[in-house]
Amino acid sequence: MYLDSAKKEEIFGQYGKGGVTDTGSAESQIALFTFRIKHLTEHLKQNKKDFATARSLTKLVGKRRSLLTYLKERDINRYRAIVKALGLRH
């Protein structure tokens, strides 16, 4: 499986505020969604007619967008840090 518990711990440890146990902060959730979005994008490049995955990808992008908006309104410095760390805006 592409997203096992070890990979999740790595993502939460790198981007979470409280280490590996911080699974609910906006930064850690945005990082997890970004990892999943990249994986689904690669899948859809090979499987163009997989419409269920395309819908899942659209929903994930929307969730990440709403979390980024929330973070931008609450703390612009945290927003800028996560966007820079993940390379979301060019």
PDB file of N, CA and C in Angstrom:
ATOM      1  N   MET A   1       0.847  -1.180   0.000  1.00  0.00           N
ATOM      2  CA  MET A   1       0.000   0.000   0.000  1.00  0.00           C
ATOM      3  C   MET A   1       0.891   1.242   0.000  1.00  0.00           C
ATOM      4  N   TYR A   2       0.453   2.246  -0.675  1.00  0.00           N
ATOM      5  CA  TYR A   2       1.292   3.429  -0.827  1.00  0.00           C
ATOM      6  C   TYR A   2       1.330   4.291   0.434  1.00  0.00           C
ATOM      7  N   LEU A   3       0.321   4.189   1.295  1.00  0.00           N
ATOM      8  CA  LEU A   3       0.265   5.026   2.480  1.00  0.00           C
ATOM      9  C   LEU A   3       0.086   4.149   3.719  1.00  0.00           C
ATOM     10  N   ASP A   4       1.195   3.623   4.214  1.00  0.00           N
ATOM     11  CA  ASP A   4       1.130   2.793   5.413  1.00  0.00           C
ATOM     12  C   ASP A   4       1.391   3.658   6.648  1.00  0.00           C
ATOM     13  N   SER A   5       1.331   3.049   7.809  1.00  0.00           N
ATOM     14  CA  SER A   5       1.465   3.808   9.054  1.00  0.00           C
ATOM     15  C   SER A   5       2.853   4.431   9.201  1.00  0.00           C
ATOM     16  N   ALA A   6       3.873   3.787   8.678  1.00  0.00           N
ATOM     17  CA  ALA A   6       5.226   4.350   8.763  1.00  0.00           C
ATOM     18  C   ALA A   6       5.331   5.648   7.953  1.00  0.00           C
ATOM     19  N   LYS A   7       4.711   5.655   6.786  1.00  0.00           N
ATOM     20  CA  LYS A   7       4.740   6.856   5.943  1.00  0.00           C
ATOM     21  C   LYS A   7       3.950   7.986   6.600  1.00  0.00           C
ATOM     22  N   LYS A   8       2.803   7.648   7.227  1.00  0.00           N
ATOM     23  CA  LYS A   8       2.023   8.662   7.932  1.00  0.00           C
ATOM     24  C   LYS A   8       2.818   9.253   9.091  1.00  0.00           C
ATOM     25  N   GLU A   9       3.500   8.397   9.857  1.00  0.00           N
ATOM     26  CA  GLU A   9       4.316   8.880  10.965  1.00  0.00           C
ATOM     27  C   GLU A   9       5.418   9.806  10.477  1.00  0.00           C
ATOM     28  N   GLU A  10       5.992   9.467   9.334  1.00  0.00           N
ATOM     29  CA  GLU A  10       7.038  10.315   8.755  1.00  0.00           C
ATOM     30  C   GLU A  10       6.478  11.691   8.388  1.00  0.00           C
ATOM     31  N   ILE A  11       5.304  11.703   7.757  1.00  0.00           N
ATOM     32  CA  ILE A  11       4.683  12.971   7.352  1.00  0.00           C
ATOM     33  C   ILE A  11       4.307  13.796   8.579  1.00  0.00           C
ATOM     34  N   PHE A  12       3.663  13.158   9.569  1.00  0.00           N
ATOM     35  CA  PHE A  12       3.252  13.882  10.773  1.00  0.00           C
ATOM     36  C   PHE A  12       4.454  14.356  11.571  1.00  0.00           C
ATOM     37  N   GLY A  13       5.521  13.578  11.594  1.00  0.00           N
ATOM     38  CA  GLY A  13       6.719  13.983  12.310  1.00  0.00           C
ATOM     39  C   GLY A  13       7.408  15.170  11.664  1.00  0.00           C
ATOM     40  N   GLN A  14       7.362  15.216  10.348  1.00  0.00           N
ATOM     41  CA  GLN A  14       8.042  16.288   9.626  1.00  0.00           C
ATOM     42  C   GLN A  14       7.246  17.590   9.643  1.00  0.00           C
ATOM     43  N   TYR A  15       5.926  17.509   9.492  1.00  0.00           N
ATOM     44  CA  TYR A  15       5.125  18.723   9.347  1.00  0.00           C
ATOM     45  C   TYR A  15       4.265  19.057  10.559  1.00  0.00           C
ATOM     46  N   GLY A  16       4.042  18.106  11.465  1.00  0.00           N
ATOM     47  CA  GLY A  16       3.214  18.370  12.641  1.00  0.00           C
ATOM     48  C   GLY A  16       3.943  19.220  13.658  1.00  0.00           C
ATOM     49  N   LYS A  17       3.179  19.956  14.433  1.00  0.00           N
ATOM     50  CA  LYS A  17       3.779  20.832  15.445  1.00  0.00           C
ATOM     51  C   LYS A  17       4.251  20.045  16.657  1.00  0.00           C
ATOM     52  N   GLY A  18       3.525  18.971  16.997  1.00  0.00           N
ATOM     53  CA  GLY A  18       3.841  18.231  18.205  1.00  0.00           C
ATOM     54  C   GLY A  18       4.528  16.907  17.963  1.00  0.00           C
ATOM     55  N   GLY A  19       5.127  16.731  16.819  1.00  0.00           N
ATOM     56  CA  GLY A  19       5.818  15.482  16.523  1.00  0.00           C
ATOM     57  C   GLY A  19       4.903  14.461  15.871  1.00  0.00           C
ATOM     58  N   VAL A  20       5.215  13.185  16.092  1.00  0.00           N
ATOM     59  CA  VAL A  20       4.498  12.092  15.428  1.00  0.00           C
ATOM     60  C   VAL A  20       3.051  12.000  15.908  1.00  0.00           C
ATOM     61  N   THR A  21       2.801  12.373  17.147  1.00  0.00           N
ATOM     62  CA  THR A  21       1.448  12.233  17.691  1.00  0.00           C
ATOM     63  C   THR A  21       0.509  13.346  17.248  1.00  0.00           C
ATOM     64  N   ASP A  22       1.024  14.376  16.607  1.00  0.00           N
ATOM     65  CA  ASP A  22       0.199  15.500  16.164  1.00  0.00           C
ATOM     66  C   ASP A  22      -0.407  15.173  14.802  1.00  0.00           C
ATOM     67  N   THR A  23      -1.574  14.547  14.832  1.00  0.00           N
ATOM     68  CA  THR A  23      -2.206  14.137  13.576  1.00  0.00           C
ATOM     69  C   THR A  23      -3.332  15.063  13.163  1.00  0.00           C
ATOM     70  N   GLY A  24      -3.703  16.020  14.001  1.00  0.00           N
ATOM     71  CA  GLY A  24      -4.864  16.837  13.710  1.00  0.00           C
ATOM     72  C   GLY A  24      -4.587  18.270  13.360  1.00  0.00           C
ATOM     73  N   SER A  25      -3.347  18.714  13.449  1.00  0.00           N
ATOM     74  CA  SER A  25      -3.062  20.107  13.125  1.00  0.00           C
ATOM     75  C   SER A  25      -3.261  20.340  11.634  1.00  0.00           C
ATOM     76  N   ALA A  26      -3.528  21.575  11.302  1.00  0.00           N
ATOM     77  CA  ALA A  26      -3.790  21.915   9.908  1.00  0.00           C
ATOM     78  C   ALA A  26      -2.576  21.598   9.028  1.00  0.00           C
ATOM     79  N   GLU A  27      -1.388  21.865   9.537  1.00  0.00           N
ATOM     80  CA  GLU A  27      -0.185  21.625   8.742  1.00  0.00           C
ATOM     81  C   GLU A  27      -0.004  20.144   8.419  1.00  0.00           C
ATOM     82  N   SER A  28      -0.215  19.292   9.417  1.00  0.00           N
ATOM     83  CA  SER A  28      -0.022  17.863   9.177  1.00  0.00           C
ATOM     84  C   SER A  28      -1.093  17.317   8.237  1.00  0.00           C
ATOM     85  N   GLN A  29      -2.326  17.798   8.367  1.00  0.00           N
ATOM     86  CA  GLN A  29      -3.390  17.348   7.470  1.00  0.00           C
ATOM     87  C   GLN A  29      -3.143  17.819   6.043  1.00  0.00           C
ATOM     88  N   ILE A  30      -2.693  19.049   5.877  1.00  0.00           N
ATOM     89  CA  ILE A  30      -2.381  19.574   4.542  1.00  0.00           C
ATOM     90  C   ILE A  30      -1.256  18.765   3.912  1.00  0.00           C
ATOM     91  N   ALA A  31      -0.241  18.414   4.692  1.00  0.00           N
ATOM     92  CA  ALA A  31       0.868  17.610   4.172  1.00  0.00           C
ATOM     93  C   ALA A  31       0.394  16.222   3.758  1.00  0.00           C
ATOM     94  N   LEU A  32      -0.471  15.613   4.563  1.00  0.00           N
ATOM     95  CA  LEU A  32      -1.004  14.293   4.228  1.00  0.00           C
ATOM     96  C   LEU A  32      -1.856  14.361   2.961  1.00  0.00           C
ATOM     97  N   PHE A  33      -2.716  15.369   2.854  1.00  0.00           N
ATOM     98  CA  PHE A  33      -3.543  15.532   1.657  1.00  0.00           C
ATOM     99  C   PHE A  33      -2.671  15.749   0.426  1.00  0.00           C
ATOM    100  N   THR A  34      -1.596  16.514   0.571  1.00  0.00           N
ATOM    101  CA  THR A  34      -0.704  16.774  -0.562  1.00  0.00           C
ATOM    102  C   THR A  34      -0.045  15.489  -1.037  1.00  0.00           C
ATOM    103  N   PHE A  35       0.386  14.653  -0.095  1.00  0.00           N
ATOM    104  CA  PHE A  35       0.980  13.370  -0.471  1.00  0.00           C
ATOM    105  C   PHE A  35      -0.021  12.515  -1.234  1.00  0.00           C
ATOM    106  N   ARG A  36      -1.265  12.447  -0.727  1.00  0.00           N
ATOM    107  CA  ARG A  36      -2.297  11.648  -1.379  1.00  0.00           C
ATOM    108  C   ARG A  36      -2.667  12.220  -2.748  1.00  0.00           C
ATOM    109  N   ILE A  37      -2.702  13.558  -2.870  1.00  0.00           N
ATOM    110  CA  ILE A  37      -3.027  14.199  -4.145  1.00  0.00           C
ATOM    111  C   ILE A  37      -1.961  13.869  -5.193  1.00  0.00           C
ATOM    112  N   LYS A  38      -0.708  13.915  -4.794  1.00  0.00           N
ATOM    113  CA  LYS A  38       0.367  13.585  -5.742  1.00  0.00           C
ATOM    114  C   LYS A  38       0.263  12.138  -6.210  1.00  0.00           C
ATOM    115  N   HIS A  39      -0.061  11.238  -5.288  1.00  0.00           N
ATOM    116  CA  HIS A  39      -0.192   9.826  -5.653  1.00  0.00           C
ATOM    117  C   HIS A  39      -1.367   9.619  -6.604  1.00  0.00           C
ATOM    118  N   LEU A  40      -2.507  10.216  -6.310  1.00  0.00           N
ATOM    119  CA  LEU A  40      -3.683  10.048  -7.166  1.00  0.00           C
ATOM    120  C   LEU A  40      -3.478  10.692  -8.539  1.00  0.00           C
ATOM    121  N   THR A  41      -2.740  11.783  -8.585  1.00  0.00           N
ATOM    122  CA  THR A  41      -2.453  12.429  -9.861  1.00  0.00           C
ATOM    123  C   THR A  41      -1.640  11.504 -10.756  1.00  0.00           C
ATOM    124  N   GLU A  42      -0.632  10.857 -10.179  1.00  0.00           N
ATOM    125  CA  GLU A  42       0.165   9.904 -10.962  1.00  0.00           C
ATOM    126  C   GLU A  42      -0.690   8.721 -11.418  1.00  0.00           C
ATOM    127  N   HIS A  43      -1.583   8.263 -10.567  1.00  0.00           N
ATOM    128  CA  HIS A  43      -2.476   7.158 -10.928  1.00  0.00           C
ATOM    129  C   HIS A  43      -3.367   7.549 -12.104  1.00  0.00           C
ATOM    130  N   LEU A  44      -3.886   8.775 -12.074  1.00  0.00           N
ATOM    131  CA  LEU A  44      -4.793   9.204 -13.141  1.00  0.00           C
ATOM    132  C   LEU A  44      -4.074   9.461 -14.460  1.00  0.00           C
ATOM    133  N   LYS A  45      -2.788   9.715 -14.406  1.00  0.00           N
ATOM    134  CA  LYS A  45      -2.039   9.864 -15.657  1.00  0.00           C
ATOM    135  C   LYS A  45      -1.998   8.551 -16.434  1.00  0.00           C
ATOM    136  N   GLN A  46      -1.983   7.438 -15.694  1.00  0.00           N
ATOM    137  CA  GLN A  46      -1.946   6.124 -16.337  1.00  0.00           C
ATOM    138  C   GLN A  46      -3.337   5.576 -16.598  1.00  0.00           C
ATOM    139  N   ASN A  47      -4.310   5.944 -15.759  1.00  0.00           N
ATOM    140  CA  ASN A  47      -5.674   5.409 -15.857  1.00  0.00           C
ATOM    141  C   ASN A  47      -6.646   6.565 -16.072  1.00  0.00           C
ATOM    142  N   LYS A  48      -6.740   7.030 -17.282  1.00  0.00           N
ATOM    143  CA  LYS A  48      -7.508   8.227 -17.591  1.00  0.00           C
ATOM    144  C   LYS A  48      -9.010   8.058 -17.388  1.00  0.00           C
ATOM    145  N   LYS A  49      -9.509   6.846 -17.463  1.00  0.00           N
ATOM    146  CA  LYS A  49     -10.958   6.631 -17.361  1.00  0.00           C
ATOM    147  C   LYS A  49     -11.418   6.222 -15.968  1.00  0.00           C
ATOM    148  N   ASP A  50     -10.549   6.360 -14.979  1.00  0.00           N
ATOM    149  CA  ASP A  50     -10.901   6.024 -13.604  1.00  0.00           C
ATOM    150  C   ASP A  50     -11.604   7.231 -12.977  1.00  0.00           C
ATOM    151  N   PHE A  51     -12.906   7.302 -13.190  1.00  0.00           N
ATOM    152  CA  PHE A  51     -13.662   8.484 -12.789  1.00  0.00           C
ATOM    153  C   PHE A  51     -13.898   8.543 -11.278  1.00  0.00           C
ATOM    154  N   ALA A  52     -13.941   7.410 -10.617  1.00  0.00           N
ATOM    155  CA  ALA A  52     -14.103   7.406  -9.157  1.00  0.00           C
ATOM    156  C   ALA A  52     -12.874   8.029  -8.492  1.00  0.00           C
ATOM    157  N   THR A  53     -11.699   7.697  -8.988  1.00  0.00           N
ATOM    158  CA  THR A  53     -10.477   8.293  -8.445  1.00  0.00           C
ATOM    159  C   THR A  53     -10.406   9.771  -8.776  1.00  0.00           C
ATOM    160  N   ALA A  54     -10.876  10.146  -9.954  1.00  0.00           N
ATOM    161  CA  ALA A  54     -10.884  11.567 -10.318  1.00  0.00           C
ATOM    162  C   ALA A  54     -11.769  12.361  -9.370  1.00  0.00           C
ATOM    163  N   ARG A  55     -12.910  11.785  -9.009  1.00  0.00           N
ATOM    164  CA  ARG A  55     -13.807  12.461  -8.065  1.00  0.00           C
ATOM    165  C   ARG A  55     -13.158  12.550  -6.686  1.00  0.00           C
ATOM    166  N   SER A  56     -12.499  11.485  -6.252  1.00  0.00           N
ATOM    167  CA  SER A  56     -11.806  11.499  -4.966  1.00  0.00           C
ATOM    168  C   SER A  56     -10.706  12.556  -4.951  1.00  0.00           C
ATOM    169  N   LEU A  57     -10.009  12.685  -6.055  1.00  0.00           N
ATOM    170  CA  LEU A  57      -8.955  13.687  -6.158  1.00  0.00           C
ATOM    171  C   LEU A  57      -9.538  15.092  -6.047  1.00  0.00           C
ATOM    172  N   THR A  58     -10.657  15.330  -6.709  1.00  0.00           N
ATOM    173  CA  THR A  58     -11.300  16.638  -6.641  1.00  0.00           C
ATOM    174  C   THR A  58     -11.735  16.967  -5.216  1.00  0.00           C
ATOM    175  N   LYS A  59     -12.268  15.983  -4.506  1.00  0.00           N
ATOM    176  CA  LYS A  59     -12.694  16.198  -3.126  1.00  0.00           C
ATOM    177  C   LYS A  59     -11.494  16.486  -2.220  1.00  0.00           C
ATOM    178  N   LEU A  60     -10.390  15.769  -2.442  1.00  0.00           N
ATOM    179  CA  LEU A  60      -9.184  16.003  -1.636  1.00  0.00           C
ATOM    180  C   LEU A  60      -8.621  17.399  -1.858  1.00  0.00           C
ATOM    181  N   VAL A  61      -8.621  17.832  -3.106  1.00  0.00           N
ATOM    182  CA  VAL A  61      -8.117  19.177  -3.413  1.00  0.00           C
ATOM    183  C   VAL A  61      -8.979  20.221  -2.714  1.00  0.00           C
ATOM    184  N   GLY A  62     -10.284  20.002  -2.692  1.00  0.00           N
ATOM    185  CA  GLY A  62     -11.181  20.928  -2.004  1.00  0.00           C
ATOM    186  C   GLY A  62     -10.946  20.957  -0.507  1.00  0.00           C
ATOM    187  N   LYS A  63     -10.721  19.796   0.092  1.00  0.00           N
ATOM    188  CA  LYS A  63     -10.431  19.740   1.532  1.00  0.00           C
ATOM    189  C   LYS A  63      -9.138  20.476   1.855  1.00  0.00           C
ATOM    190  N   ARG A  64      -8.127  20.239   1.011  1.00  0.00           N
ATOM    191  CA  ARG A  64      -6.842  20.922   1.249  1.00  0.00           C
ATOM    192  C   ARG A  64      -6.998  22.423   1.081  1.00  0.00           C
ATOM    193  N   ARG A  65      -7.785  22.831   0.080  1.00  0.00           N
ATOM    194  CA  ARG A  65      -8.010  24.256  -0.157  1.00  0.00           C
ATOM    195  C   ARG A  65      -8.695  24.907   1.038  1.00  0.00           C
ATOM    196  N   SER A  66      -9.692  24.218   1.617  1.00  0.00           N
ATOM    197  CA  SER A  66     -10.395  24.804   2.761  1.00  0.00           C
ATOM    198  C   SER A  66      -9.485  24.881   3.982  1.00  0.00           C
ATOM    199  N   LEU A  67      -8.640  23.883   4.190  1.00  0.00           N
ATOM    200  CA  LEU A  67      -7.688  23.948   5.304  1.00  0.00           C
ATOM    201  C   LEU A  67      -6.669  25.069   5.110  1.00  0.00           C
ATOM    202  N   LEU A  68      -6.226  25.259   3.864  1.00  0.00           N
ATOM    203  CA  LEU A  68      -5.288  26.350   3.596  1.00  0.00           C
ATOM    204  C   LEU A  68      -5.952  27.706   3.829  1.00  0.00           C
ATOM    205  N   THR A  69      -7.212  27.834   3.446  1.00  0.00           N
ATOM    206  CA  THR A  69      -7.937  29.083   3.686  1.00  0.00           C
ATOM    207  C   THR A  69      -8.083  29.342   5.180  1.00  0.00           C
ATOM    208  N   TYR A  70      -8.425  28.295   5.925  1.00  0.00           N
ATOM    209  CA  TYR A  70      -8.541  28.410   7.378  1.00  0.00           C
ATOM    210  C   TYR A  70      -7.217  28.871   7.987  1.00  0.00           C
ATOM    211  N   LEU A  71      -6.133  28.245   7.569  1.00  0.00           N
ATOM    212  CA  LEU A  71      -4.826  28.583   8.115  1.00  0.00           C
ATOM    213  C   LEU A  71      -4.417  30.003   7.733  1.00  0.00           C
ATOM    214  N   LYS A  72      -4.752  30.414   6.527  1.00  0.00           N
ATOM    215  CA  LYS A  72      -4.418  31.755   6.063  1.00  0.00           C
ATOM    216  C   LYS A  72      -5.146  32.814   6.885  1.00  0.00           C
ATOM    217  N   GLU A  73      -6.410  32.537   7.231  1.00  0.00           N
ATOM    218  CA  GLU A  73      -7.176  33.493   8.030  1.00  0.00           C
ATOM    219  C   GLU A  73      -6.717  33.524   9.480  1.00  0.00           C
ATOM    220  N   ARG A  74      -6.296  32.383  10.016  1.00  0.00           N
ATOM    221  CA  ARG A  74      -5.907  32.298  11.432  1.00  0.00           C
ATOM    222  C   ARG A  74      -4.492  32.800  11.686  1.00  0.00           C
ATOM    223  N   ASP A  75      -3.539  32.302  10.882  1.00  0.00           N
ATOM    224  CA  ASP A  75      -2.130  32.635  11.133  1.00  0.00           C
ATOM    225  C   ASP A  75      -1.384  32.628   9.808  1.00  0.00           C
ATOM    226  N   ILE A  76      -1.142  33.815   9.269  1.00  0.00           N
ATOM    227  CA  ILE A  76      -0.534  33.938   7.940  1.00  0.00           C
ATOM    228  C   ILE A  76       0.887  33.388   7.915  1.00  0.00           C
ATOM    229  N   ASN A  77       1.606  33.454   9.029  1.00  0.00           N
ATOM    230  CA  ASN A  77       2.981  32.949   9.060  1.00  0.00           C
ATOM    231  C   ASN A  77       3.020  31.431   8.940  1.00  0.00           C
ATOM    232  N   ARG A  78       2.105  30.738   9.633  1.00  0.00           N
ATOM    233  CA  ARG A  78       2.024  29.274   9.518  1.00  0.00           C
ATOM    234  C   ARG A  78       1.617  28.884   8.100  1.00  0.00           C
ATOM    235  N   TYR A  79       0.700  29.649   7.503  1.00  0.00           N
ATOM    236  CA  TYR A  79       0.269  29.399   6.126  1.00  0.00           C
ATOM    237  C   TYR A  79       1.453  29.516   5.172  1.00  0.00           C
ATOM    238  N   ARG A  80       2.196  30.581   5.292  1.00  0.00           N
ATOM    239  CA  ARG A  80       3.346  30.794   4.399  1.00  0.00           C
ATOM    240  C   ARG A  80       4.405  29.709   4.581  1.00  0.00           C
ATOM    241  N   ALA A  81       4.589  29.276   5.824  1.00  0.00           N
ATOM    242  CA  ALA A  81       5.597  28.243   6.096  1.00  0.00           C
ATOM    243  C   ALA A  81       5.213  26.915   5.457  1.00  0.00           C
ATOM    244  N   ILE A  82       3.947  26.497   5.576  1.00  0.00           N
ATOM    245  CA  ILE A  82       3.541  25.205   5.018  1.00  0.00           C
ATOM    246  C   ILE A  82       3.502  25.254   3.497  1.00  0.00           C
ATOM    247  N   VAL A  83       3.105  26.379   2.925  1.00  0.00           N
ATOM    248  CA  VAL A  83       3.084  26.506   1.470  1.00  0.00           C
ATOM    249  C   VAL A  83       4.504  26.430   0.921  1.00  0.00           C
ATOM    250  N   LYS A  84       5.430  27.067   1.605  1.00  0.00           N
ATOM    251  CA  LYS A  84       6.836  27.028   1.168  1.00  0.00           C
ATOM    252  C   LYS A  84       7.429  25.635   1.332  1.00  0.00           C
ATOM    253  N   ALA A  85       7.110  24.973   2.465  1.00  0.00           N
ATOM    254  CA  ALA A  85       7.666  23.649   2.722  1.00  0.00           C
ATOM    255  C   ALA A  85       7.166  22.617   1.729  1.00  0.00           C
ATOM    256  N   LEU A  86       5.910  22.727   1.328  1.00  0.00           N
ATOM    257  CA  LEU A  86       5.342  21.752   0.391  1.00  0.00           C
ATOM    258  C   LEU A  86       5.488  22.168  -1.064  1.00  0.00           C
ATOM    259  N   GLY A  87       5.851  23.431  -1.295  1.00  0.00           N
ATOM    260  CA  GLY A  87       6.019  23.906  -2.664  1.00  0.00           C
ATOM    261  C   GLY A  87       4.704  23.994  -3.414  1.00  0.00           C
ATOM    262  N   LEU A  88       3.660  24.499  -2.755  1.00  0.00           N
ATOM    263  CA  LEU A  88       2.343  24.526  -3.387  1.00  0.00           C
ATOM    264  C   LEU A  88       2.146  25.712  -4.325  1.00  0.00           C
ATOM    265  N   ARG A  89       2.644  26.872  -3.968  1.00  0.00           N
ATOM    266  CA  ARG A  89       2.498  28.057  -4.812  1.00  0.00           C
ATOM    267  C   ARG A  89       3.836  28.351  -5.471  1.00  0.00           C
ATOM    268  N   HIS A  90       3.763  28.725  -6.728  1.00  0.00           N
ATOM    269  CA  HIS A  90       5.016  29.003  -7.445  1.00  0.00           C
ATOM    270  C   HIS A  90       5.225  30.485  -7.618  1.00  0.00           C
TER     271      HIS A  90
END
